[in-house]
C-alpha atoms as a PDB file:
ATOM      1  CA  UNK A   1       0.000   0.000   0.000  1.00  0.00           C
ATOM      2  CA  UNK A   2       2.826   2.417   0.847  1.00  0.00           C
ATOM      3  CA  UNK A   3       4.386   1.934  -2.592  1.00  0.00           C
ATOM      4  CA  UNK A   4       1.061   2.610  -4.313  1.00  0.00           C
ATOM      5  CA  UNK A   5       0.490   5.821  -2.352  1.00  0.00           C
ATOM      6  CA  UNK A   6       4.067   6.942  -3.019  1.00  0.00           C
ATOM      7  CA  UNK A   7       3.630   6.451  -6.777  1.00  0.00           C
ATOM      8  CA  UNK A   8       0.388   8.436  -6.795  1.00  0.00           C
ATOM      9  CA  UNK A   9       2.094  11.255  -4.910  1.00  0.00           C
ATOM     10  CA  UNK A  10       4.883  11.248  -7.508  1.00  0.00           C
ATOM     11  CA  UNK A  11       2.295  11.608 -10.271  1.00  0.00           C
ATOM     12  CA  UNK A  12       0.601  14.423  -8.356  1.00  0.00           C
ATOM     13  CA  UNK A  13       3.914  16.289  -8.217  1.00  0.00           C
ATOM     14  CA  UNK A  14       4.863  15.580 -11.849  1.00  0.00           C
ATOM     15  CA  UNK A  15       1.644  16.312 -13.754  1.00  0.00           C
ATOM     16  CA  UNK A  16       0.196  19.758 -14.556  1.00  0.00           C
ATOM     17  CA  UNK A  17      -2.782  20.464 -12.286  1.00  0.00           C
ATOM     18  CA  UNK A  18      -5.250  20.768 -15.203  1.00  0.00           C
ATOM     19  CA  UNK A  19      -4.155  17.494 -16.838  1.00  0.00           C
ATOM     20  CA  UNK A  20      -7.046  15.013 -16.850  1.00  0.00           C
ATOM     21  CA  UNK A  21      -4.937  12.231 -15.345  1.00  0.00           C
ATOM     22  CA  UNK A  22      -3.760  14.613 -12.616  1.00  0.00           C
ATOM     23  CA  UNK A  23      -7.367  15.489 -11.746  1.00  0.00           C
ATOM     24  CA  UNK A  24      -8.314  11.828 -11.369  1.00  0.00           C
ATOM     25  CA  UNK A  25      -5.067  10.997  -9.587  1.00  0.00           C
ATOM     26  CA  UNK A  26      -5.764  13.591  -6.873  1.00  0.00           C
ATOM     27  CA  UNK A  27      -9.185  12.068  -6.276  1.00  0.00           C
ATOM     28  CA  UNK A  28      -7.859   8.528  -6.233  1.00  0.00           C
ATOM     29  CA  UNK A  29      -4.961   9.427  -3.950  1.00  0.00           C
ATOM     30  CA  UNK A  30      -7.453  10.787  -1.405  1.00  0.00           C
ATOM     31  CA  UNK A  31      -9.473   7.550  -1.635  1.00  0.00           C
ATOM     32  CA  UNK A  32      -6.398   5.354  -1.250  1.00  0.00           C
ATOM     33  CA  UNK A  33      -5.138   7.308   1.741  1.00  0.00           C
ATOM     34  CA  UNK A  34      -8.560   6.986   3.367  1.00  0.00           C
ATOM     35  CA  UNK A  35      -8.573   3.222   2.762  1.00  0.00           C
ATOM     36  CA  UNK A  36      -5.084   2.980   4.277  1.00  0.00           C
ATOM     37  CA  UNK A  37      -6.330   4.794   7.375  1.00  0.00           C
ATOM     38  CA  UNK A  38      -9.273   2.409   7.549  1.00  0.00           C
ATOM     39  CA  UNK A  39      -6.962  -0.582   7.361  1.00  0.00           C
ATOM     40  CA  UNK A  40      -4.825   0.799  10.175  1.00  0.00           C
ATOM     41  CA  UNK A  41      -7.918   1.421  12.282  1.00  0.00           C
ATOM     42  CA  UNK A  42      -9.275  -2.099  11.710  1.00  0.00           C
ATOM     43  CA  UNK A  43     -12.425  -0.957   9.910  1.00  0.00           C
ATOM     44  CA  UNK A  44     -12.336  -3.872   7.458  1.00  0.00           C
ATOM     45  CA  UNK A  45     -13.540  -7.421   8.117  1.00  0.00           C
ATOM     46  CA  UNK A  46     -10.355  -8.982   6.746  1.00  0.00           C
ATOM     47  CA  UNK A  47      -7.568  -6.417   6.633  1.00  0.00           C
ATOM     48  CA  UNK A  48      -5.225  -8.692   4.664  1.00  0.00           C
ATOM     49  CA  UNK A  49      -7.787  -9.406   1.950  1.00  0.00           C
ATOM     50  CA  UNK A  50      -8.891  -5.758   1.800  1.00  0.00           C
ATOM     51  CA  UNK A  51      -5.286  -4.571   1.456  1.00  0.00           C
ATOM     52  CA  UNK A  52      -4.584  -7.147  -1.238  1.00  0.00           C
ATOM     53  CA  UNK A  53      -7.664  -6.094  -3.186  1.00  0.00           C
ATOM     54  CA  UNK A  54      -6.869  -2.397  -2.869  1.00  0.00           C
ATOM     55  CA  UNK A  55      -3.261  -2.822  -4.040  1.00  0.00           C
ATOM     56  CA  UNK A  56      -4.228  -4.994  -7.022  1.00  0.00           C
ATOM     57  CA  UNK A  57      -6.939  -2.486  -7.866  1.00  0.00           C
ATOM     58  CA  UNK A  58      -4.570   0.501  -7.739  1.00  0.00           C
ATOM     59  CA  UNK A  59      -1.898  -1.251  -9.759  1.00  0.00           C
ATOM     60  CA  UNK A  60      -4.264  -1.595 -12.705  1.00  0.00           C
ATOM     61  CA  UNK A  61      -4.580   2.186 -12.875  1.00  0.00           C
ATOM     62  CA  UNK A  62      -0.834   2.718 -12.432  1.00  0.00           C
ATOM     63  CA  UNK A  63      -0.096   0.104 -15.102  1.00  0.00           C
ATOM     64  CA  UNK A  64      -2.392   1.970 -17.511  1.00  0.00           C
ATOM     65  CA  UNK A  65      -0.441   5.180 -16.804  1.00  0.00           C
ATOM     66  CA  UNK A  66       2.885   3.433 -17.386  1.00  0.00           C
ATOM     67  CA  UNK A  67       1.692   1.786 -20.599  1.00  0.00           C
ATOM     68  CA  UNK A  68       0.532   5.097 -22.042  1.00  0.00           C
ATOM     69  CA  UNK A  69       3.798   6.767 -21.029  1.00  0.00           C
ATOM     70  CA  UNK A  70       5.672   3.977 -22.794  1.00  0.00           C
ATOM     71  CA  UNK A  71       3.714   4.539 -26.018  1.00  0.00           C
ATOM     72  CA  UNK A  72       1.737   1.331 -25.453  1.00  0.00           C
ATOM     73  CA  UNK A  73      -2.053   1.176 -25.609  1.00  0.00           C
ATOM     74  CA  UNK A  74      -3.732   1.158 -22.198  1.00  0.00           C
ATOM     75  CA  UNK A  75      -6.982  -0.802 -21.744  1.00  0.00           C
ATOM     76  CA  UNK A  76      -9.893   0.546 -23.772  1.00  0.00           C
ATOM     77  CA  UNK A  77     -11.615   1.855 -20.635  1.00  0.00           C
ATOM     78  CA  UNK A  78      -8.731   4.298 -20.039  1.00  0.00           C
ATOM     79  CA  UNK A  79      -8.127   5.454 -23.604  1.00  0.00           C
ATOM     80  CA  UNK A  80     -10.719   8.284 -23.691  1.00  0.00           C
ATOM     81  CA  UNK A  81      -9.199   9.893 -20.594  1.00  0.00           C
ATOM     82  CA  UNK A  82      -5.693   9.755 -22.044  1.00  0.00           C
ATOM     83  CA  UNK A  83      -6.952  11.037 -25.394  1.00  0.00           C
ATOM     84  CA  UNK A  84      -8.833  14.030 -23.918  1.00  0.00           C
ATOM     85  CA  UNK A  85      -6.638  14.710 -20.878  1.00  0.00           C
ATOM     86  CA  UNK A  86      -5.547  18.127 -22.218  1.00  0.00           C
ATOM     87  CA  UNK A  87      -8.703  19.112 -24.084  1.00  0.00           C
ATOM     88  CA  UNK A  88      -9.693  22.676 -23.100  1.00  0.00           C
ATOM     89  CA  UNK A  89     -13.393  21.915 -23.528  1.00  0.00           C
ATOM     90  CA  UNK A  90     -13.460  19.135 -20.922  1.00  0.00           C
ATOM     91  CA  UNK A  91     -14.062  20.249 -17.343  1.00  0.00           C
ATOM     92  CA  UNK A  92     -12.210  18.866 -14.305  1.00  0.00           C
ATOM     93  CA  UNK A  93     -15.314  17.152 -12.952  1.00  0.00           C
ATOM     94  CA  UNK A  94     -15.619  15.229 -16.209  1.00  0.00           C
ATOM     95  CA  UNK A  95     -11.998  14.060 -15.935  1.00  0.00           C
ATOM     96  CA  UNK A  96     -12.563  12.869 -12.365  1.00  0.00           C
ATOM     97  CA  UNK A  97     -15.747  10.956 -13.170  1.00  0.00           C
ATOM     98  CA  UNK A  98     -14.306   9.438 -16.355  1.00  0.00           C
ATOM     99  CA  UNK A  99     -11.357   8.097 -14.362  1.00  0.00           C
ATOM    100  CA  UNK A 100     -13.651   6.712 -11.677  1.00  0.00           C
ATOM    101  CA  UNK A 101     -15.791   5.132 -14.401  1.00  0.00           C
ATOM    102  CA  UNK A 102     -12.771   3.374 -15.940  1.00  0.00           C
ATOM    103  CA  UNK A 103     -11.339   2.245 -12.637  1.00  0.00           C
ATOM    104  CA  UNK A 104     -14.570   1.093 -10.982  1.00  0.00           C
ATOM    105  CA  UNK A 105     -16.329  -0.164 -14.091  1.00  0.00           C
ATOM    106  CA  UNK A 106     -13.472  -2.306 -15.386  1.00  0.00           C
ATOM    107  CA  UNK A 107     -10.424  -2.501 -13.122  1.00  0.00           C
ATOM    108  CA  UNK A 108     -12.261  -3.321  -9.908  1.00  0.00           C
ATOM    109  CA  UNK A 109     -14.017  -6.384 -11.337  1.00  0.00           C
ATOM    110  CA  UNK A 110     -10.706  -7.821 -12.541  1.00  0.00           C
ATOM    111  CA  UNK A 111      -8.994  -6.935  -9.267  1.00  0.00           C
ATOM    112  CA  UNK A 112     -11.651  -8.877  -7.326  1.00  0.00           C
ATOM    113  CA  UNK A 113     -10.997 -11.950  -9.484  1.00  0.00           C
ATOM    114  CA  UNK A 114      -7.213 -11.565  -9.144  1.00  0.00           C
ATOM    115  CA  UNK A 115      -7.552 -11.311  -5.350  1.00  0.00           C
ATOM    116  CA  UNK A 116      -9.777 -14.376  -5.161  1.00  0.00           C
ATOM    117  CA  UNK A 117      -7.232 -16.371  -7.127  1.00  0.00           C
ATOM    118  CA  UNK A 118      -4.336 -15.142  -4.989  1.00  0.00           C
ATOM    119  CA  UNK A 119      -6.080 -15.793  -1.667  1.00  0.00           C
ATOM    120  CA  UNK A 120      -7.962 -18.926  -2.781  1.00  0.00           C
ATOM    121  CA  UNK A 121     -11.346 -17.512  -1.812  1.00  0.00           C
ATOM    122  CA  UNK A 122     -14.677 -16.707  -3.474  1.00  0.00           C
ATOM    123  CA  UNK A 123     -15.999 -13.218  -4.286  1.00  0.00           C
ATOM    124  CA  UNK A 124     -18.564 -13.662  -1.490  1.00  0.00           C
ATOM    125  CA  UNK A 125     -15.682 -13.684   0.990  1.00  0.00           C
ATOM    126  CA  UNK A 126     -14.728 -10.171  -0.150  1.00  0.00           C
ATOM    127  CA  UNK A 127     -18.218  -8.726  -0.421  1.00  0.00           C
ATOM    128  CA  UNK A 128     -18.265  -6.986   2.962  1.00  0.00           C
ATOM    129  CA  UNK A 129     -14.999  -5.166   2.387  1.00  0.00           C
ATOM    130  CA  UNK A 130     -15.944  -4.477  -1.240  1.00  0.00           C
ATOM    131  CA  UNK A 131     -19.070  -2.718   0.064  1.00  0.00           C
ATOM    132  CA  UNK A 132     -17.067  -0.727   2.631  1.00  0.00           C
ATOM    133  CA  UNK A 133     -14.728   0.590  -0.045  1.00  0.00           C
ATOM    134  CA  UNK A 134     -17.746   1.291  -2.254  1.00  0.00           C
ATOM    135  CA  UNK A 135     -19.457   3.269   0.493  1.00  0.00           C
ATOM    136  CA  UNK A 136     -16.310   5.352   0.889  1.00  0.00           C
ATOM    137  CA  UNK A 137     -16.196   6.027  -2.845  1.00  0.00           C
ATOM    138  CA  UNK A 138     -19.843   7.081  -2.923  1.00  0.00           C
ATOM    139  CA  UNK A 139     -19.274   9.571  -0.095  1.00  0.00           C
ATOM    140  CA  UNK A 140     -16.200  10.928  -1.863  1.00  0.00           C
ATOM    141  CA  UNK A 141     -18.110  11.217  -5.133  1.00  0.00           C
ATOM    142  CA  UNK A 142     -20.401  13.769  -3.496  1.00  0.00           C
ATOM    143  CA  UNK A 143     -17.384  15.735  -2.281  1.00  0.00           C
ATOM    144  CA  UNK A 144     -15.806  15.541  -5.747  1.00  0.00           C
ATOM    145  CA  UNK A 145     -18.945  16.960  -7.343  1.00  0.00           C
ATOM    146  CA  UNK A 146     -19.042  19.795  -4.816  1.00  0.00           C
ATOM    147  CA  UNK A 147     -15.321  20.621  -5.141  1.00  0.00           C
ATOM    148  CA  UNK A 148     -15.132  20.448  -8.929  1.00  0.00           C
ATOM    149  CA  UNK A 149     -18.551  21.763  -9.906  1.00  0.00           C
ATOM    150  CA  UNK A 150     -18.018  24.999 -11.853  1.00  0.00           C
ATOM    151  CA  UNK A 151     -19.289  28.173 -10.245  1.00  0.00           C
ATOM    152  CA  UNK A 152     -20.713  28.868  -6.801  1.00  0.00           C
ATOM    153  CA  UNK A 153     -24.307  28.074  -7.725  1.00  0.00           C
ATOM    154  CA  UNK A 154     -26.023  24.877  -8.717  1.00  0.00           C
ATOM    155  CA  UNK A 155     -26.032  24.319 -12.430  1.00  0.00           C
ATOM    156  CA  UNK A 156     -29.208  24.954 -14.320  1.00  0.00           C
ATOM    157  CA  UNK A 157     -31.064  21.859 -15.462  1.00  0.00           C
ATOM    158  CA  UNK A 158     -30.460  22.807 -19.096  1.00  0.00           C
ATOM    159  CA  UNK A 159     -26.673  22.947 -18.659  1.00  0.00           C
ATOM    160  CA  UNK A 160     -24.981  20.195 -20.727  1.00  0.00           C
ATOM    161  CA  UNK A 161     -22.802  19.207 -17.759  1.00  0.00           C
ATOM    162  CA  UNK A 162     -25.907  18.658 -15.641  1.00  0.00           C
ATOM    163  CA  UNK A 163     -27.168  16.258 -18.295  1.00  0.00           C
ATOM    164  CA  UNK A 164     -23.880  14.349 -18.376  1.00  0.00           C
ATOM    165  CA  UNK A 165     -23.679  14.077 -14.588  1.00  0.00           C
ATOM    166  CA  UNK A 166     -27.217  12.788 -14.401  1.00  0.00           C
ATOM    167  CA  UNK A 167     -26.445   9.996 -16.852  1.00  0.00           C
ATOM    168  CA  UNK A 168     -23.859   8.256 -14.639  1.00  0.00           C
ATOM    169  CA  UNK A 169     -23.976   6.969 -11.085  1.00  0.00           C
ATOM    170  CA  UNK A 170     -21.150   5.505  -9.020  1.00  0.00           C
ATOM    171  CA  UNK A 171     -23.593   3.349  -7.074  1.00  0.00           C
ATOM    172  CA  UNK A 172     -24.945   1.812 -10.276  1.00  0.00           C
ATOM    173  CA  UNK A 173     -21.406   1.333 -11.567  1.00  0.00           C
ATOM    174  CA  UNK A 174     -20.384  -0.375  -8.327  1.00  0.00           C
ATOM    175  CA  UNK A 175     -23.372  -2.750  -8.487  1.00  0.00           C
ATOM    176  CA  UNK A 176     -22.601  -3.610 -12.102  1.00  0.00           C
ATOM    177  CA  UNK A 177     -18.956  -4.225 -11.202  1.00  0.00           C
ATOM    178  CA  UNK A 178     -19.872  -6.691  -8.481  1.00  0.00           C
ATOM    179  CA  UNK A 179     -22.067  -8.595 -10.956  1.00  0.00           C
ATOM    180  CA  UNK A 180     -19.231  -8.573 -13.508  1.00  0.00           C
ATOM    181  CA  UNK A 181     -16.742  -9.879 -10.935  1.00  0.00           C
ATOM    182  CA  UNK A 182     -19.072 -12.734  -9.984  1.00  0.00           C
ATOM    183  CA  UNK A 183     -19.622 -13.577 -13.660  1.00  0.00           C
ATOM    184  CA  UNK A 184     -15.871 -13.576 -14.385  1.00  0.00           C
ATOM    185  CA  UNK A 185     -15.270 -15.799 -11.366  1.00  0.00           C
ATOM    186  CA  UNK A 186     -17.970 -18.232 -12.522  1.00  0.00           C
ATOM    187  CA  UNK A 187     -16.326 -18.301 -15.977  1.00  0.00           C
ATOM    188  CA  UNK A 188     -12.778 -18.872 -14.672  1.00  0.00           C
ATOM    189  CA  UNK A 189     -12.681 -22.453 -15.999  1.00  0.00           C
ATOM    190  CA  UNK A 190     -13.747 -21.212 -19.446  1.00  0.00           C
ATOM    191  CA  UNK A 191     -10.819 -18.883 -20.230  1.00  0.00           C
ATOM    192  CA  UNK A 192     -11.918 -18.085 -23.789  1.00  0.00           C
ATOM    193  CA  UNK A 193     -15.384 -17.033 -22.663  1.00  0.00           C
ATOM    194  CA  UNK A 194     -14.003 -15.153 -19.649  1.00  0.00           C
ATOM    195  CA  UNK A 195     -11.517 -13.337 -21.885  1.00  0.00           C
ATOM    196  CA  UNK A 196     -14.243 -12.307 -24.311  1.00  0.00           C
ATOM    197  CA  UNK A 197     -16.432 -11.123 -21.428  1.00  0.00           C
ATOM    198  CA  UNK A 198     -13.592  -9.028 -19.988  1.00  0.00           C
ATOM    199  CA  UNK A 199     -12.833  -7.557 -23.408  1.00  0.00           C
ATOM    200  CA  UNK A 200     -16.461  -6.545 -23.942  1.00  0.00           C
ATOM    201  CA  UNK A 201     -16.597  -5.066 -20.442  1.00  0.00           C
ATOM    202  CA  UNK A 202     -13.473  -3.028 -21.190  1.00  0.00           C
ATOM    203  CA  UNK A 203     -14.976  -1.703 -24.435  1.00  0.00           C
ATOM    204  CA  UNK A 204     -18.347  -0.849 -22.858  1.00  0.00           C
ATOM    205  CA  UNK A 205     -16.735   1.052 -19.985  1.00  0.00           C
ATOM    206  CA  UNK A 206     -14.539   2.905 -22.469  1.00  0.00           C
ATOM    207  CA  UNK A 207     -17.617   3.918 -24.458  1.00  0.00           C
ATOM    208  CA  UNK A 208     -19.236   5.336 -21.313  1.00  0.00           C
ATOM    209  CA  UNK A 209     -16.023   7.203 -20.529  1.00  0.00           C
ATOM    210  CA  UNK A 210     -15.991   8.767 -23.973  1.00  0.00           C
ATOM    211  CA  UNK A 211     -19.495  10.095 -23.404  1.00  0.00           C
ATOM    212  CA  UNK A 212     -18.532  11.535 -20.006  1.00  0.00           C
ATOM    213  CA  UNK A 213     -15.664  13.386 -21.690  1.00  0.00           C
ATOM    214  CA  UNK A 214     -17.796  15.125 -24.314  1.00  0.00           C
ATOM    215  CA  UNK A 215     -16.266  18.624 -24.738  1.00  0.00           C
ATOM    216  CA  UNK A 216     -18.659  21.299 -23.539  1.00  0.00           C
ATOM    217  CA  UNK A 217     -19.031  24.999 -24.357  1.00  0.00           C
ATOM    218  CA  UNK A 218     -17.974  27.545 -21.736  1.00  0.00           C
END
């Protein structure tokens, strides 16, 4: 966990503040630090399993960053954020939610399966801690919207950003991720089918991310 947090802090120091990856990284660093505090305080049912899941989860994001930096294609779910990370028409809140969409919608399902394989357990054994992390993310999502929402007043219902924000929900994404993780685990003895499922999940999450990153007028 310490190595993961250290790497995120390095990225925070290296990247321009307005860069789309930097915006998401700041959000994710806050989440990871909060999880680390929860682990230290014993707020998880199985601290070892929760730590393993969180590290595997974070490494998928960091691997995507390293692949893109090395001129290699990251997973499809991350490509829209890398493509639009410097677009002047995309607002910081969009960057944050697109990163959360990629990481929760795709990476978390695969991280659950990886953790189950490593610890020789079933997804049901991780469900309680999965929900605790999810609850933390939902609470942080509200703070993210408040911190990054443009202007001091609530957006008008006709504002394009209001429409985009209303089309995506972290709670729905979390529920879909849990279903995807269970499906991937059930398909583990059918690697071709599991691989196709994961590939389609990656593409679908990437499509949603592209919509979240629609450039908007000032």
